[in-house]
Amino acid sequence: DYVIDLPTKVKIEMVVRDEDVEEIIETVLV
């Protein structure tokens, strides 16, 4: 048995226009 206490993830960073934020959030959520 192993404890994986810091699992590997990926971070996506974007600088976007204010009006695009909601669509980006919804896309990532889906």
Full PDB file with SEQRES, HELIX, SHEET, SSBOND, CRYST1, ORIGX, SCALE, CONECT and MASTER records, all heavy atoms in Angstrom:
SEQRES   1 A   30  ASP TYR VAL ILE ASP LEU PRO THR LYS VAL LYS ILE GLU          
SEQRES   2 A   30  MET VAL VAL ARG ASP GLU ASP VAL GLU GLU ILE ILE GLU          
SEQRES   3 A   30  THR VAL LEU VAL                                              
HELIX    1 AA1 ASP A   18  ASP A   20  5                                   3    
HELIX    2 AA2 VAL A   21  LEU A   29  1                                   9    
CRYST1    1.000    1.000    1.000  90.00  90.00  90.00 P 1           1          
ORIGX1      1.000000  0.000000  0.000000        0.00000                         
ORIGX2      0.000000  1.000000  0.000000        0.00000                         
ORIGX3      0.000000  0.000000  1.000000        0.00000                         
SCALE1      1.000000  0.000000  0.000000        0.00000                         
SCALE2      0.000000  1.000000  0.000000        0.00000                         
SCALE3      0.000000  0.000000  1.000000        0.00000                         
ATOM      1  N   ASP A   1       0.839  -1.205   0.000  1.00  0.00           N  
ATOM      2  CA  ASP A   1       0.000   0.000   0.000  1.00  0.00           C  
ATOM      3  C   ASP A   1       0.868   1.248   0.000  1.00  0.00           C  
ATOM      4  O   ASP A   1       1.877   1.315   0.712  1.00  0.00           O  
ATOM      5  CB  ASP A   1      -0.914   0.030   1.223  1.00  0.00           C  
ATOM      6  CG  ASP A   1      -2.061  -0.944   1.106  1.00  0.00           C  
ATOM      7  OD1 ASP A   1      -2.395  -1.317  -0.033  1.00  0.00           O  
ATOM      8  OD2 ASP A   1      -2.624  -1.327   2.149  1.00  0.00           O  
ATOM      9  N   TYR A   2       0.473   2.227  -0.807  1.00  0.00           N  
ATOM     10  CA  TYR A   2       1.173   3.507  -0.893  1.00  0.00           C  
ATOM     11  C   TYR A   2       0.172   4.631  -0.684  1.00  0.00           C  
ATOM     12  O   TYR A   2      -0.956   4.555  -1.147  1.00  0.00           O  
ATOM     13  CB  TYR A   2       1.818   3.690  -2.275  1.00  0.00           C  
ATOM     14  CG  TYR A   2       2.909   2.699  -2.564  1.00  0.00           C  
ATOM     15  CD1 TYR A   2       2.629   1.519  -3.243  1.00  0.00           C  
ATOM     16  CD2 TYR A   2       4.209   2.942  -2.152  1.00  0.00           C  
ATOM     17  CE1 TYR A   2       3.612   0.601  -3.506  1.00  0.00           C  
ATOM     18  CE2 TYR A   2       5.211   2.022  -2.408  1.00  0.00           C  
ATOM     19  CZ  TYR A   2       4.912   0.859  -3.088  1.00  0.00           C  
ATOM     20  OH  TYR A   2       5.900  -0.063  -3.347  1.00  0.00           O  
ATOM     21  N   VAL A   3       0.607   5.669   0.000  1.00  0.00           N  
ATOM     22  CA  VAL A   3      -0.210   6.867   0.161  1.00  0.00           C  
ATOM     23  C   VAL A   3       0.259   7.881  -0.874  1.00  0.00           C  
ATOM     24  O   VAL A   3       1.427   8.261  -0.895  1.00  0.00           O  
ATOM     25  CB  VAL A   3      -0.094   7.460   1.583  1.00  0.00           C  
ATOM     26  CG1 VAL A   3      -0.868   8.763   1.674  1.00  0.00           C  
ATOM     27  CG2 VAL A   3      -0.587   6.459   2.611  1.00  0.00           C  
ATOM     28  N   ILE A   4      -0.653   8.285  -1.741  1.00  0.00           N  
ATOM     29  CA  ILE A   4      -0.356   9.324  -2.737  1.00  0.00           C  
ATOM     30  C   ILE A   4      -0.918  10.620  -2.156  1.00  0.00           C  
ATOM     31  O   ILE A   4      -2.085  10.938  -2.339  1.00  0.00           O  
ATOM     32  CB  ILE A   4      -1.009   9.006  -4.099  1.00  0.00           C  
ATOM     33  CG1 ILE A   4      -0.695   7.589  -4.555  1.00  0.00           C  
ATOM     34  CG2 ILE A   4      -0.603  10.023  -5.142  1.00  0.00           C  
ATOM     35  CD1 ILE A   4       0.757   7.302  -4.810  1.00  0.00           C  
ATOM     36  N   ASP A   5      -0.081  11.355  -1.400  1.00  0.00           N  
ATOM     37  CA  ASP A   5      -0.597  12.540  -0.707  1.00  0.00           C  
ATOM     38  C   ASP A   5      -0.507  13.817  -1.537  1.00  0.00           C  
ATOM     39  O   ASP A   5      -1.138  14.809  -1.209  1.00  0.00           O  
ATOM     40  CB  ASP A   5       0.081  12.727   0.645  1.00  0.00           C  
ATOM     41  CG  ASP A   5       1.595  12.819   0.550  1.00  0.00           C  
ATOM     42  OD1 ASP A   5       2.139  12.589  -0.542  1.00  0.00           O  
ATOM     43  OD2 ASP A   5       2.226  13.122   1.575  1.00  0.00           O  
ATOM     44  N   LEU A   6       0.257  13.804  -2.619  1.00  0.00           N  
ATOM     45  CA  LEU A   6       0.313  14.943  -3.530  1.00  0.00           C  
ATOM     46  C   LEU A   6       0.142  14.436  -4.961  1.00  0.00           C  
ATOM     47  O   LEU A   6       1.109  14.303  -5.716  1.00  0.00           O  
ATOM     48  CB  LEU A   6       1.640  15.699  -3.395  1.00  0.00           C  
ATOM     49  CG  LEU A   6       1.859  16.428  -2.074  1.00  0.00           C  
ATOM     50  CD1 LEU A   6       3.269  16.989  -2.018  1.00  0.00           C  
ATOM     51  CD2 LEU A   6       0.843  17.522  -1.869  1.00  0.00           C  
ATOM     52  N   PRO A   7      -1.088  14.142  -5.355  1.00  0.00           N  
ATOM     53  CA  PRO A   7      -1.305  13.603  -6.705  1.00  0.00           C  
ATOM     54  C   PRO A   7      -0.940  14.609  -7.798  1.00  0.00           C  
ATOM     55  O   PRO A   7      -0.991  15.821  -7.596  1.00  0.00           O  
ATOM     56  CB  PRO A   7      -2.795  13.285  -6.736  1.00  0.00           C  
ATOM     57  CG  PRO A   7      -3.396  13.871  -5.525  1.00  0.00           C  
ATOM     58  CD  PRO A   7      -2.311  14.253  -4.590  1.00  0.00           C  
ATOM     59  N   THR A   8      -0.577  14.079  -8.945  1.00  0.00           N  
ATOM     60  CA  THR A   8      -0.212  14.904 -10.098  1.00  0.00           C  
ATOM     61  C   THR A   8      -1.472  15.491 -10.730  1.00  0.00           C  
ATOM     62  O   THR A   8      -2.455  14.802 -10.930  1.00  0.00           O  
ATOM     63  CB  THR A   8       0.536  14.059 -11.139  1.00  0.00           C  
ATOM     64  OG1 THR A   8       1.698  13.506 -10.523  1.00  0.00           O  
ATOM     65  CG2 THR A   8       0.946  14.895 -12.330  1.00  0.00           C  
ATOM     66  N   LYS A   9      -1.411  16.786 -11.026  1.00  0.00           N  
ATOM     67  CA  LYS A   9      -2.493  17.504 -11.707  1.00  0.00           C  
ATOM     68  C   LYS A   9      -1.888  18.336 -12.826  1.00  0.00           C  
ATOM     69  O   LYS A   9      -0.671  18.402 -12.981  1.00  0.00           O  
ATOM     70  CB  LYS A   9      -3.243  18.434 -10.740  1.00  0.00           C  
ATOM     71  CG  LYS A   9      -3.855  17.756  -9.532  1.00  0.00           C  
ATOM     72  CD  LYS A   9      -5.041  16.930  -9.916  1.00  0.00           C  
ATOM     73  CE  LYS A   9      -5.666  16.337  -8.660  1.00  0.00           C  
ATOM     74  NZ  LYS A   9      -6.714  15.422  -8.961  1.00  0.00           N  
ATOM     75  N   VAL A  10      -2.733  19.005 -13.581  1.00  0.00           N  
ATOM     76  CA  VAL A  10      -2.299  19.924 -14.627  1.00  0.00           C  
ATOM     77  C   VAL A  10      -2.953  21.270 -14.357  1.00  0.00           C  
ATOM     78  O   VAL A  10      -4.144  21.329 -14.044  1.00  0.00           O  
ATOM     79  CB  VAL A  10      -2.728  19.405 -16.024  1.00  0.00           C  
ATOM     80  CG1 VAL A  10      -2.394  20.416 -17.096  1.00  0.00           C  
ATOM     81  CG2 VAL A  10      -2.058  18.088 -16.329  1.00  0.00           C  
ATOM     82  N   LYS A  11      -2.175  22.347 -14.469  1.00  0.00           N  
ATOM     83  CA  LYS A  11      -2.728  23.692 -14.296  1.00  0.00           C  
ATOM     84  C   LYS A  11      -2.721  24.401 -15.645  1.00  0.00           C  
ATOM     85  O   LYS A  11      -1.687  24.485 -16.310  1.00  0.00           O  
ATOM     86  CB  LYS A  11      -1.924  24.493 -13.278  1.00  0.00           C  
ATOM     87  CG  LYS A  11      -2.468  25.905 -13.097  1.00  0.00           C  
ATOM     88  CD  LYS A  11      -1.940  26.615 -11.871  1.00  0.00           C  
ATOM     89  CE  LYS A  11      -0.491  26.906 -11.920  1.00  0.00           C  
ATOM     90  NZ  LYS A  11      -0.054  27.829 -10.843  1.00  0.00           N  
ATOM     91  N   ILE A  12      -3.907  24.881 -16.037  1.00  0.00           N  
ATOM     92  CA  ILE A  12      -4.055  25.661 -17.260  1.00  0.00           C  
ATOM     93  C   ILE A  12      -4.264  27.114 -16.832  1.00  0.00           C  
ATOM     94  O   ILE A  12      -5.164  27.402 -16.046  1.00  0.00           O  
ATOM     95  CB  ILE A  12      -5.263  25.187 -18.082  1.00  0.00           C  
ATOM     96  CG1 ILE A  12      -5.146  23.710 -18.430  1.00  0.00           C  
ATOM     97  CG2 ILE A  12      -5.410  26.032 -19.356  1.00  0.00           C  
ATOM     98  CD1 ILE A  12      -6.415  23.122 -19.022  1.00  0.00           C  
ATOM     99  N   GLU A  13      -3.440  28.014 -17.349  1.00  0.00           N  
ATOM    100  CA  GLU A  13      -3.567  29.438 -17.039  1.00  0.00           C  
ATOM    101  C   GLU A  13      -3.882  30.199 -18.321  1.00  0.00           C  
ATOM    102  O   GLU A  13      -3.249  29.986 -19.348  1.00  0.00           O  
ATOM    103  CB  GLU A  13      -2.268  29.974 -16.442  1.00  0.00           C  
ATOM    104  CG  GLU A  13      -1.871  29.292 -15.147  1.00  0.00           C  
ATOM    105  CD  GLU A  13      -0.498  29.706 -14.689  1.00  0.00           C  
ATOM    106  OE1 GLU A  13      -0.386  30.777 -14.062  1.00  0.00           O  
ATOM    107  OE2 GLU A  13       0.457  28.967 -14.971  1.00  0.00           O  
ATOM    108  N   MET A  14      -4.875  31.098 -18.210  1.00  0.00           N  
ATOM    109  CA  MET A  14      -5.281  31.905 -19.359  1.00  0.00           C  
ATOM    110  C   MET A  14      -5.570  33.328 -18.888  1.00  0.00           C  
ATOM    111  O   MET A  14      -6.121  33.513 -17.808  1.00  0.00           O  
ATOM    112  CB  MET A  14      -6.564  31.352 -19.991  1.00  0.00           C  
ATOM    113  CG  MET A  14      -6.462  29.956 -20.509  1.00  0.00           C  
ATOM    114  SD  MET A  14      -8.091  29.208 -20.754  1.00  0.00           S  
ATOM    115  CE  MET A  14      -8.422  28.624 -19.104  1.00  0.00           C  
ATOM    116  N   VAL A  15      -5.219  34.296 -19.690  1.00  0.00           N  
ATOM    117  CA  VAL A  15      -5.647  35.678 -19.470  1.00  0.00           C  
ATOM    118  C   VAL A  15      -6.650  35.970 -20.581  1.00  0.00           C  
ATOM    119  O   VAL A  15      -6.316  35.861 -21.763  1.00  0.00           O  
ATOM    120  CB  VAL A  15      -4.464  36.662 -19.499  1.00  0.00           C  
ATOM    121  CG1 VAL A  15      -4.955  38.091 -19.340  1.00  0.00           C  
ATOM    122  CG2 VAL A  15      -3.465  36.313 -18.399  1.00  0.00           C  
ATOM    123  N   VAL A  16      -7.876  36.323 -20.183  1.00  0.00           N  
ATOM    124  CA  VAL A  16      -8.978  36.428 -21.139  1.00  0.00           C  
ATOM    125  C   VAL A  16      -9.778  37.700 -20.914  1.00  0.00           C  
ATOM    126  O   VAL A  16      -9.685  38.341 -19.871  1.00  0.00           O  
ATOM    127  CB  VAL A  16      -9.907  35.190 -21.048  1.00  0.00           C  
ATOM    128  CG1 VAL A  16      -9.139  33.925 -21.365  1.00  0.00           C  
ATOM    129  CG2 VAL A  16     -10.551  35.095 -19.683  1.00  0.00           C  
ATOM    130  N   ARG A  17     -10.598  38.028 -21.890  1.00  0.00           N  
ATOM    131  CA  ARG A  17     -11.501  39.175 -21.755  1.00  0.00           C  
ATOM    132  C   ARG A  17     -12.598  38.845 -20.749  1.00  0.00           C  
ATOM    133  O   ARG A  17     -13.025  37.692 -20.642  1.00  0.00           O  
ATOM    134  CB  ARG A  17     -12.131  39.505 -23.110  1.00  0.00           C  
ATOM    135  CG  ARG A  17     -11.137  40.051 -24.099  1.00  0.00           C  
ATOM    136  CD  ARG A  17     -11.800  40.327 -25.449  1.00  0.00           C  
ATOM    137  NE  ARG A  17     -10.844  40.874 -26.369  1.00  0.00           N  
ATOM    138  CZ  ARG A  17      -9.997  40.153 -27.108  1.00  0.00           C  
ATOM    139  NH1 ARG A  17     -10.006  38.841 -27.036  1.00  0.00           N  
ATOM    140  NH2 ARG A  17      -9.145  40.738 -27.924  1.00  0.00           N  
ATOM    141  N   ASP A  18     -13.074  39.852 -20.051  1.00  0.00           N  
ATOM    142  CA  ASP A  18     -14.113  39.664 -19.035  1.00  0.00           C  
ATOM    143  C   ASP A  18     -15.332  38.936 -19.586  1.00  0.00           C  
ATOM    144  O   ASP A  18     -15.893  38.059 -18.932  1.00  0.00           O  
ATOM    145  CB  ASP A  18     -14.561  41.014 -18.455  1.00  0.00           C  
ATOM    146  CG  ASP A  18     -13.494  41.661 -17.594  1.00  0.00           C  
ATOM    147  OD1 ASP A  18     -12.568  40.959 -17.148  1.00  0.00           O  
ATOM    148  OD2 ASP A  18     -13.593  42.884 -17.355  1.00  0.00           O  
ATOM    149  N   GLU A  19     -15.726  39.272 -20.800  1.00  0.00           N  
ATOM    150  CA  GLU A  19     -16.948  38.695 -21.364  1.00  0.00           C  
ATOM    151  C   GLU A  19     -16.797  37.218 -21.746  1.00  0.00           C  
ATOM    152  O   GLU A  19     -17.790  36.532 -21.994  1.00  0.00           O  
ATOM    153  CB  GLU A  19     -17.434  39.504 -22.572  1.00  0.00           C  
ATOM    154  CG  GLU A  19     -16.441  39.635 -23.691  1.00  0.00           C  
ATOM    155  CD  GLU A  19     -15.573  40.897 -23.605  1.00  0.00           C  
ATOM    156  OE1 GLU A  19     -15.508  41.535 -22.543  1.00  0.00           O  
ATOM    157  OE2 GLU A  19     -14.953  41.228 -24.633  1.00  0.00           O  
ATOM    158  N   ASP A  20     -15.563  36.698 -21.778  1.00  0.00           N  
ATOM    159  CA  ASP A  20     -15.338  35.297 -22.143  1.00  0.00           C  
ATOM    160  C   ASP A  20     -15.253  34.352 -20.946  1.00  0.00           C  
ATOM    161  O   ASP A  20     -15.248  33.140 -21.115  1.00  0.00           O  
ATOM    162  CB  ASP A  20     -14.045  35.174 -22.967  1.00  0.00           C  
ATOM    163  CG  ASP A  20     -14.114  35.938 -24.278  1.00  0.00           C  
ATOM    164  OD1 ASP A  20     -15.240  36.129 -24.786  1.00  0.00           O  
ATOM    165  OD2 ASP A  20     -13.057  36.344 -24.777  1.00  0.00           O  
ATOM    166  N   VAL A  21     -15.189  34.905 -19.746  1.00  0.00           N  
ATOM    167  CA  VAL A  21     -14.934  34.098 -18.544  1.00  0.00           C  
ATOM    168  C   VAL A  21     -15.999  33.032 -18.306  1.00  0.00           C  
ATOM    169  O   VAL A  21     -15.676  31.861 -18.072  1.00  0.00           O  
ATOM    170  CB  VAL A  21     -14.765  35.004 -17.304  1.00  0.00           C  
ATOM    171  CG1 VAL A  21     -14.710  34.175 -16.032  1.00  0.00           C  
ATOM    172  CG2 VAL A  21     -13.524  35.866 -17.429  1.00  0.00           C  
ATOM    173  N   GLU A  22     -17.264  33.393 -18.374  1.00  0.00           N  
ATOM    174  CA  GLU A  22     -18.331  32.435 -18.063  1.00  0.00           C  
ATOM    175  C   GLU A  22     -18.325  31.244 -19.027  1.00  0.00           C  
ATOM    176  O   GLU A  22     -18.499  30.097 -18.613  1.00  0.00           O  
ATOM    177  CB  GLU A  22     -19.702  33.117 -18.066  1.00  0.00           C  
ATOM    178  CG  GLU A  22     -19.902  34.066 -16.905  1.00  0.00           C  
ATOM    179  CD  GLU A  22     -19.708  33.405 -15.542  1.00  0.00           C  
ATOM    180  OE1 GLU A  22     -20.181  32.261 -15.344  1.00  0.00           O  
ATOM    181  OE2 GLU A  22     -19.066  34.020 -14.676  1.00  0.00           O  
ATOM    182  N   GLU A  23     -18.114  31.506 -20.312  1.00  0.00           N  
ATOM    183  CA  GLU A  23     -18.089  30.426 -21.299  1.00  0.00           C  
ATOM    184  C   GLU A  23     -16.884  29.505 -21.072  1.00  0.00           C  
ATOM    185  O   GLU A  23     -16.984  28.282 -21.207  1.00  0.00           O  
ATOM    186  CB  GLU A  23     -18.064  31.000 -22.718  1.00  0.00           C  
ATOM    187  CG  GLU A  23     -18.174  29.947 -23.791  1.00  0.00           C  
ATOM    188  CD  GLU A  23     -18.233  30.536 -25.190  1.00  0.00           C  
ATOM    189  OE1 GLU A  23     -17.829  31.703 -25.386  1.00  0.00           O  
ATOM    190  OE2 GLU A  23     -18.689  29.815 -26.088  1.00  0.00           O  
ATOM    191  N   ILE A  24     -15.762  30.097 -20.698  1.00  0.00           N  
ATOM    192  CA  ILE A  24     -14.563  29.299 -20.403  1.00  0.00           C  
ATOM    193  C   ILE A  24     -14.797  28.417 -19.182  1.00  0.00           C  
ATOM    194  O   ILE A  24     -14.481  27.220 -19.196  1.00  0.00           O  
ATOM    195  CB  ILE A  24     -13.343  30.219 -20.215  1.00  0.00           C  
ATOM    196  CG1 ILE A  24     -12.942  30.813 -21.568  1.00  0.00           C  
ATOM    197  CG2 ILE A  24     -12.185  29.472 -19.563  1.00  0.00           C  
ATOM    198  CD1 ILE A  24     -11.947  31.941 -21.488  1.00  0.00           C  
ATOM    199  N   ILE A  25     -15.374  28.976 -18.136  1.00  0.00           N  
ATOM    200  CA  ILE A  25     -15.668  28.198 -16.924  1.00  0.00           C  
ATOM    201  C   ILE A  25     -16.595  27.035 -17.258  1.00  0.00           C  
ATOM    202  O   ILE A  25     -16.350  25.894 -16.854  1.00  0.00           O  
ATOM    203  CB  ILE A  25     -16.270  29.095 -15.828  1.00  0.00           C  
ATOM    204  CG1 ILE A  25     -15.210  30.051 -15.298  1.00  0.00           C  
ATOM    205  CG2 ILE A  25     -16.862  28.259 -14.702  1.00  0.00           C  
ATOM    206  CD1 ILE A  25     -15.756  31.123 -14.363  1.00  0.00           C  
ATOM    207  N   GLU A  26     -17.663  27.302 -17.985  1.00  0.00           N  
ATOM    208  CA  GLU A  26     -18.620  26.254 -18.336  1.00  0.00           C  
ATOM    209  C   GLU A  26     -17.953  25.153 -19.166  1.00  0.00           C  
ATOM    210  O   GLU A  26     -18.204  23.959 -18.960  1.00  0.00           O  
ATOM    211  CB  GLU A  26     -19.811  26.848 -19.092  1.00  0.00           C  
ATOM    212  CG  GLU A  26     -20.904  25.860 -19.382  1.00  0.00           C  
ATOM    213  CD  GLU A  26     -21.521  25.228 -18.137  1.00  0.00           C  
ATOM    214  OE1 GLU A  26     -21.596  25.899 -17.087  1.00  0.00           O  
ATOM    215  OE2 GLU A  26     -21.920  24.049 -18.214  1.00  0.00           O  
ATOM    216  N   THR A  27     -17.089  25.543 -20.087  1.00  0.00           N  
ATOM    217  CA  THR A  27     -16.388  24.573 -20.931  1.00  0.00           C  
ATOM    218  C   THR A  27     -15.490  23.666 -20.092  1.00  0.00           C  
ATOM    219  O   THR A  27     -15.489  22.448 -20.263  1.00  0.00           O  
ATOM    220  CB  THR A  27     -15.565  25.300 -22.009  1.00  0.00           C  
ATOM    221  OG1 THR A  27     -16.450  26.074 -22.816  1.00  0.00           O  
ATOM    222  CG2 THR A  27     -14.798  24.327 -22.886  1.00  0.00           C  
ATOM    223  N   VAL A  28     -14.740  24.245 -19.162  1.00  0.00           N  
ATOM    224  CA  VAL A  28     -13.858  23.446 -18.310  1.00  0.00           C  
ATOM    225  C   VAL A  28     -14.677  22.542 -17.395  1.00  0.00           C  
ATOM    226  O   VAL A  28     -14.330  21.376 -17.183  1.00  0.00           O  
ATOM    227  CB  VAL A  28     -12.901  24.348 -17.506  1.00  0.00           C  
ATOM    228  CG1 VAL A  28     -12.091  23.528 -16.506  1.00  0.00           C  
ATOM    229  CG2 VAL A  28     -11.977  25.123 -18.435  1.00  0.00           C  
ATOM    230  N   LEU A  29     -15.784  23.051 -16.867  1.00  0.00           N  
ATOM    231  CA  LEU A  29     -16.635  22.231 -16.002  1.00  0.00           C  
ATOM    232  C   LEU A  29     -17.182  21.016 -16.744  1.00  0.00           C  
ATOM    233  O   LEU A  29     -17.207  19.901 -16.221  1.00  0.00           O  
ATOM    234  CB  LEU A  29     -17.786  23.056 -15.438  1.00  0.00           C  
ATOM    235  CG  LEU A  29     -17.426  24.082 -14.366  1.00  0.00           C  
ATOM    236  CD1 LEU A  29     -18.654  24.916 -14.008  1.00  0.00           C  
ATOM    237  CD2 LEU A  29     -16.851  23.416 -13.135  1.00  0.00           C  
ATOM    238  N   VAL A  30     -17.633  21.210 -17.979  1.00  0.00           N  
ATOM    239  CA  VAL A  30     -18.220  20.114 -18.749  1.00  0.00           C  
ATOM    240  C   VAL A  30     -17.151  19.097 -19.156  1.00  0.00           C  
ATOM    241  O   VAL A  30     -17.346  17.890 -19.015  1.00  0.00           O  
ATOM    242  CB  VAL A  30     -18.957  20.664 -19.993  1.00  0.00           C  
ATOM    243  CG1 VAL A  30     -19.314  19.544 -20.955  1.00  0.00           C  
ATOM    244  CG2 VAL A  30     -20.193  21.434 -19.570  1.00  0.00           C  
TER     245      VAL A  30                                                      
MASTER        0    0    0    2    0    0    0    6  244    1    0    3          
END                                                                             
